[in-house]
Amino acid sequence: MKEKILEILNDYDDSVDFANEKSLIGDHILDSFGIINLVGELEDEFDITIGPEEMTKENFDSVDGIEAMVKRLSDEQ
């Protein structure tokens, strides 16, 4: 799952080493537009729904946070 998330992120911006980036939002790598695009890609790839309540820094500030959210939402559906 993490590999696919990294692939999606690299499609967004291949100049960033997402695997080693510590703060995607804090370091201004992902902005609101990037998050909206990422949400669509994640929903399509993993057949999940990411609701507005999931739009938190904790869920999108790192690859691990994104992966944890996707796993949790996959288990709920």
N, C-alpha and C. Protein backbone atom coordinates (compact mmCIF):
# COMPACT_ATOMS: atom_id res chain seq x y z
N MET A 1 0.82 -1.19 0.00
CA MET A 1 0.00 0.00 0.00
C MET A 1 0.87 1.26 0.00
N LYS A 2 1.91 1.25 0.82
CA LYS A 2 2.77 2.43 0.89
C LYS A 2 3.42 2.72 -0.46
N GLU A 3 3.79 1.66 -1.18
CA GLU A 3 4.42 1.86 -2.48
C GLU A 3 3.46 2.56 -3.45
N LYS A 4 2.19 2.17 -3.42
CA LYS A 4 1.21 2.79 -4.31
C LYS A 4 0.97 4.25 -3.91
N ILE A 5 0.94 4.53 -2.61
CA ILE A 5 0.79 5.91 -2.14
C ILE A 5 1.98 6.75 -2.61
N LEU A 6 3.17 6.20 -2.50
CA LEU A 6 4.36 6.91 -2.96
C LEU A 6 4.31 7.14 -4.46
N GLU A 7 3.80 6.17 -5.20
CA GLU A 7 3.66 6.33 -6.65
C GLU A 7 2.70 7.48 -6.99
N ILE A 8 1.58 7.54 -6.27
CA ILE A 8 0.61 8.61 -6.49
C ILE A 8 1.24 9.96 -6.16
N LEU A 9 1.96 10.03 -5.04
CA LEU A 9 2.61 11.28 -4.65
C LEU A 9 3.68 11.69 -5.66
N ASN A 10 4.44 10.73 -6.15
CA ASN A 10 5.48 11.03 -7.14
C ASN A 10 4.88 11.52 -8.45
N ASP A 11 3.69 11.03 -8.80
CA ASP A 11 3.00 11.54 -9.98
C ASP A 11 2.61 13.01 -9.77
N TYR A 12 2.31 13.37 -8.52
CA TYR A 12 1.96 14.75 -8.19
C TYR A 12 3.18 15.66 -8.33
N ASP A 13 4.32 15.21 -7.78
CA ASP A 13 5.55 16.01 -7.84
C ASP A 13 6.75 15.08 -7.74
N ASP A 14 7.39 14.82 -8.85
CA ASP A 14 8.51 13.87 -8.86
C ASP A 14 9.83 14.47 -8.40
N SER A 15 9.82 15.73 -7.99
CA SER A 15 11.05 16.35 -7.50
C SER A 15 11.23 16.19 -6.00
N VAL A 16 10.25 15.59 -5.33
CA VAL A 16 10.29 15.44 -3.88
C VAL A 16 10.54 13.99 -3.52
N ASP A 17 11.38 13.77 -2.51
CA ASP A 17 11.61 12.42 -1.98
C ASP A 17 10.58 12.17 -0.89
N PHE A 18 9.38 11.79 -1.29
CA PHE A 18 8.27 11.63 -0.35
C PHE A 18 8.56 10.57 0.71
N ALA A 19 9.33 9.56 0.37
CA ALA A 19 9.63 8.49 1.32
C ALA A 19 10.39 9.01 2.53
N ASN A 20 11.15 10.07 2.35
CA ASN A 20 11.95 10.59 3.46
C ASN A 20 11.49 11.96 3.95
N GLU A 21 10.44 12.49 3.37
CA GLU A 21 9.93 13.80 3.77
C GLU A 21 9.16 13.67 5.09
N LYS A 22 9.46 14.53 6.03
CA LYS A 22 8.86 14.43 7.37
C LYS A 22 7.56 15.19 7.52
N SER A 23 7.39 16.30 6.81
CA SER A 23 6.20 17.13 7.00
C SER A 23 5.73 17.70 5.66
N LEU A 24 4.81 16.98 5.03
CA LEU A 24 4.34 17.38 3.71
C LEU A 24 3.61 18.71 3.72
N ILE A 25 2.83 18.94 4.76
CA ILE A 25 2.09 20.20 4.87
C ILE A 25 2.99 21.27 5.47
N GLY A 26 3.66 20.94 6.55
CA GLY A 26 4.52 21.90 7.23
C GLY A 26 5.64 22.43 6.36
N ASP A 27 6.14 21.60 5.47
CA ASP A 27 7.21 22.02 4.55
C ASP A 27 6.66 22.55 3.22
N HIS A 28 5.35 22.76 3.16
CA HIS A 28 4.67 23.36 2.00
C HIS A 28 4.83 22.54 0.71
N ILE A 29 4.89 21.23 0.87
CA ILE A 29 4.97 20.34 -0.29
C ILE A 29 3.56 20.04 -0.79
N LEU A 30 2.64 19.81 0.15
CA LEU A 30 1.24 19.64 -0.20
C LEU A 30 0.46 20.86 0.24
N ASP A 31 -0.23 21.49 -0.70
CA ASP A 31 -1.12 22.59 -0.35
C ASP A 31 -2.56 22.09 -0.50
N SER A 32 -3.53 22.96 -0.34
CA SER A 32 -4.93 22.53 -0.38
C SER A 32 -5.28 21.92 -1.74
N PHE A 33 -4.77 22.50 -2.82
CA PHE A 33 -5.02 21.96 -4.15
C PHE A 33 -4.41 20.56 -4.28
N GLY A 34 -3.21 20.39 -3.79
CA GLY A 34 -2.55 19.09 -3.83
C GLY A 34 -3.30 18.04 -3.04
N ILE A 35 -3.81 18.43 -1.89
CA ILE A 35 -4.57 17.49 -1.05
C ILE A 35 -5.85 17.07 -1.76
N ILE A 36 -6.55 18.02 -2.37
CA ILE A 36 -7.78 17.69 -3.10
C ILE A 36 -7.48 16.70 -4.23
N ASN A 37 -6.42 16.95 -4.97
CA ASN A 37 -6.02 16.01 -6.04
C ASN A 37 -5.66 14.64 -5.47
N LEU A 38 -4.92 14.66 -4.37
CA LEU A 38 -4.51 13.41 -3.73
C LEU A 38 -5.72 12.62 -3.24
N VAL A 39 -6.70 13.30 -2.67
CA VAL A 39 -7.91 12.64 -2.19
C VAL A 39 -8.58 11.88 -3.34
N GLY A 40 -8.73 12.54 -4.47
CA GLY A 40 -9.35 11.87 -5.62
C GLY A 40 -8.58 10.65 -6.07
N GLU A 41 -7.27 10.77 -6.12
CA GLU A 41 -6.43 9.63 -6.52
C GLU A 41 -6.53 8.48 -5.52
N LEU A 42 -6.49 8.81 -4.23
CA LEU A 42 -6.58 7.78 -3.19
C LEU A 42 -7.94 7.09 -3.22
N GLU A 43 -8.99 7.88 -3.38
CA GLU A 43 -10.34 7.29 -3.44
C GLU A 43 -10.46 6.33 -4.61
N ASP A 44 -9.95 6.73 -5.77
CA ASP A 44 -10.02 5.86 -6.95
C ASP A 44 -9.17 4.61 -6.79
N GLU A 45 -7.96 4.78 -6.33
CA GLU A 45 -7.02 3.65 -6.23
C GLU A 45 -7.45 2.63 -5.19
N PHE A 46 -7.92 3.09 -4.03
CA PHE A 46 -8.20 2.19 -2.92
C PHE A 46 -9.69 1.95 -2.68
N ASP A 47 -10.53 2.50 -3.56
CA ASP A 47 -11.98 2.33 -3.47
C ASP A 47 -12.49 2.70 -2.07
N ILE A 48 -12.13 3.91 -1.64
CA ILE A 48 -12.56 4.43 -0.35
C ILE A 48 -13.20 5.79 -0.56
N THR A 49 -13.88 6.26 0.47
CA THR A 49 -14.41 7.62 0.48
C THR A 49 -13.73 8.39 1.59
N ILE A 50 -13.12 9.50 1.25
CA ILE A 50 -12.44 10.35 2.23
C ILE A 50 -13.33 11.56 2.46
N GLY A 51 -14.02 11.57 3.59
CA GLY A 51 -14.94 12.65 3.92
C GLY A 51 -14.23 13.87 4.47
N PRO A 52 -14.96 14.97 4.59
CA PRO A 52 -14.36 16.22 5.08
C PRO A 52 -13.75 16.09 6.47
N GLU A 53 -14.29 15.21 7.28
CA GLU A 53 -13.75 15.02 8.63
C GLU A 53 -12.35 14.42 8.62
N GLU A 54 -11.95 13.86 7.50
CA GLU A 54 -10.62 13.27 7.37
C GLU A 54 -9.56 14.29 6.93
N MET A 55 -9.99 15.48 6.56
CA MET A 55 -9.08 16.51 6.06
C MET A 55 -8.34 17.18 7.22
N THR A 56 -7.44 16.42 7.82
CA THR A 56 -6.66 16.93 8.95
C THR A 56 -5.18 16.87 8.63
N LYS A 57 -4.44 17.69 9.31
CA LYS A 57 -2.98 17.67 9.13
C LYS A 57 -2.42 16.30 9.48
N GLU A 58 -2.94 15.70 10.52
CA GLU A 58 -2.46 14.39 10.95
C GLU A 58 -2.57 13.36 9.82
N ASN A 59 -3.64 13.41 9.05
CA ASN A 59 -3.87 12.43 7.99
C ASN A 59 -3.06 12.68 6.72
N PHE A 60 -2.62 13.93 6.50
CA PHE A 60 -1.98 14.26 5.23
C PHE A 60 -0.57 14.83 5.36
N ASP A 61 -0.02 14.90 6.56
CA ASP A 61 1.29 15.53 6.74
C ASP A 61 2.45 14.59 6.47
N SER A 62 2.18 13.29 6.37
CA SER A 62 3.27 12.34 6.10
C SER A 62 2.71 11.14 5.33
N VAL A 63 3.60 10.41 4.70
CA VAL A 63 3.20 9.20 4.00
C VAL A 63 2.62 8.20 4.99
N ASP A 64 3.21 8.11 6.18
CA ASP A 64 2.68 7.20 7.20
C ASP A 64 1.27 7.59 7.63
N GLY A 65 1.02 8.89 7.76
CA GLY A 65 -0.32 9.36 8.12
C GLY A 65 -1.33 9.05 7.03
N ILE A 66 -0.93 9.25 5.79
CA ILE A 66 -1.82 8.93 4.66
C ILE A 66 -2.11 7.44 4.64
N GLU A 67 -1.07 6.64 4.81
CA GLU A 67 -1.24 5.19 4.80
C GLU A 67 -2.16 4.73 5.93
N ALA A 68 -1.99 5.26 7.12
CA ALA A 68 -2.83 4.89 8.26
C ALA A 68 -4.30 5.24 7.99
N MET A 69 -4.53 6.40 7.41
CA MET A 69 -5.90 6.81 7.09
C MET A 69 -6.50 5.87 6.05
N VAL A 70 -5.75 5.58 5.00
CA VAL A 70 -6.26 4.69 3.94
C VAL A 70 -6.57 3.31 4.51
N LYS A 71 -5.70 2.77 5.34
CA LYS A 71 -5.93 1.45 5.95
C LYS A 71 -7.19 1.48 6.80
N ARG A 72 -7.34 2.53 7.62
CA ARG A 72 -8.51 2.63 8.50
C ARG A 72 -9.79 2.73 7.67
N LEU A 73 -9.78 3.57 6.65
CA LEU A 73 -10.98 3.73 5.82
C LEU A 73 -11.28 2.45 5.01
N SER A 74 -10.25 1.75 4.60
CA SER A 74 -10.44 0.49 3.87
C SER A 74 -11.09 -0.55 4.78
N ASP A 75 -10.68 -0.58 6.04
CA ASP A 75 -11.23 -1.53 7.00
C ASP A 75 -12.68 -1.21 7.35
N GLU A 76 -13.02 0.09 7.33
CA GLU A 76 -14.38 0.52 7.67
C GLU A 76 -15.38 0.23 6.57
N GLN A 77 -14.91 0.11 5.34
CA GLN A 77 -15.85 -0.06 4.21
C GLN A 77 -15.97 -1.49 3.79
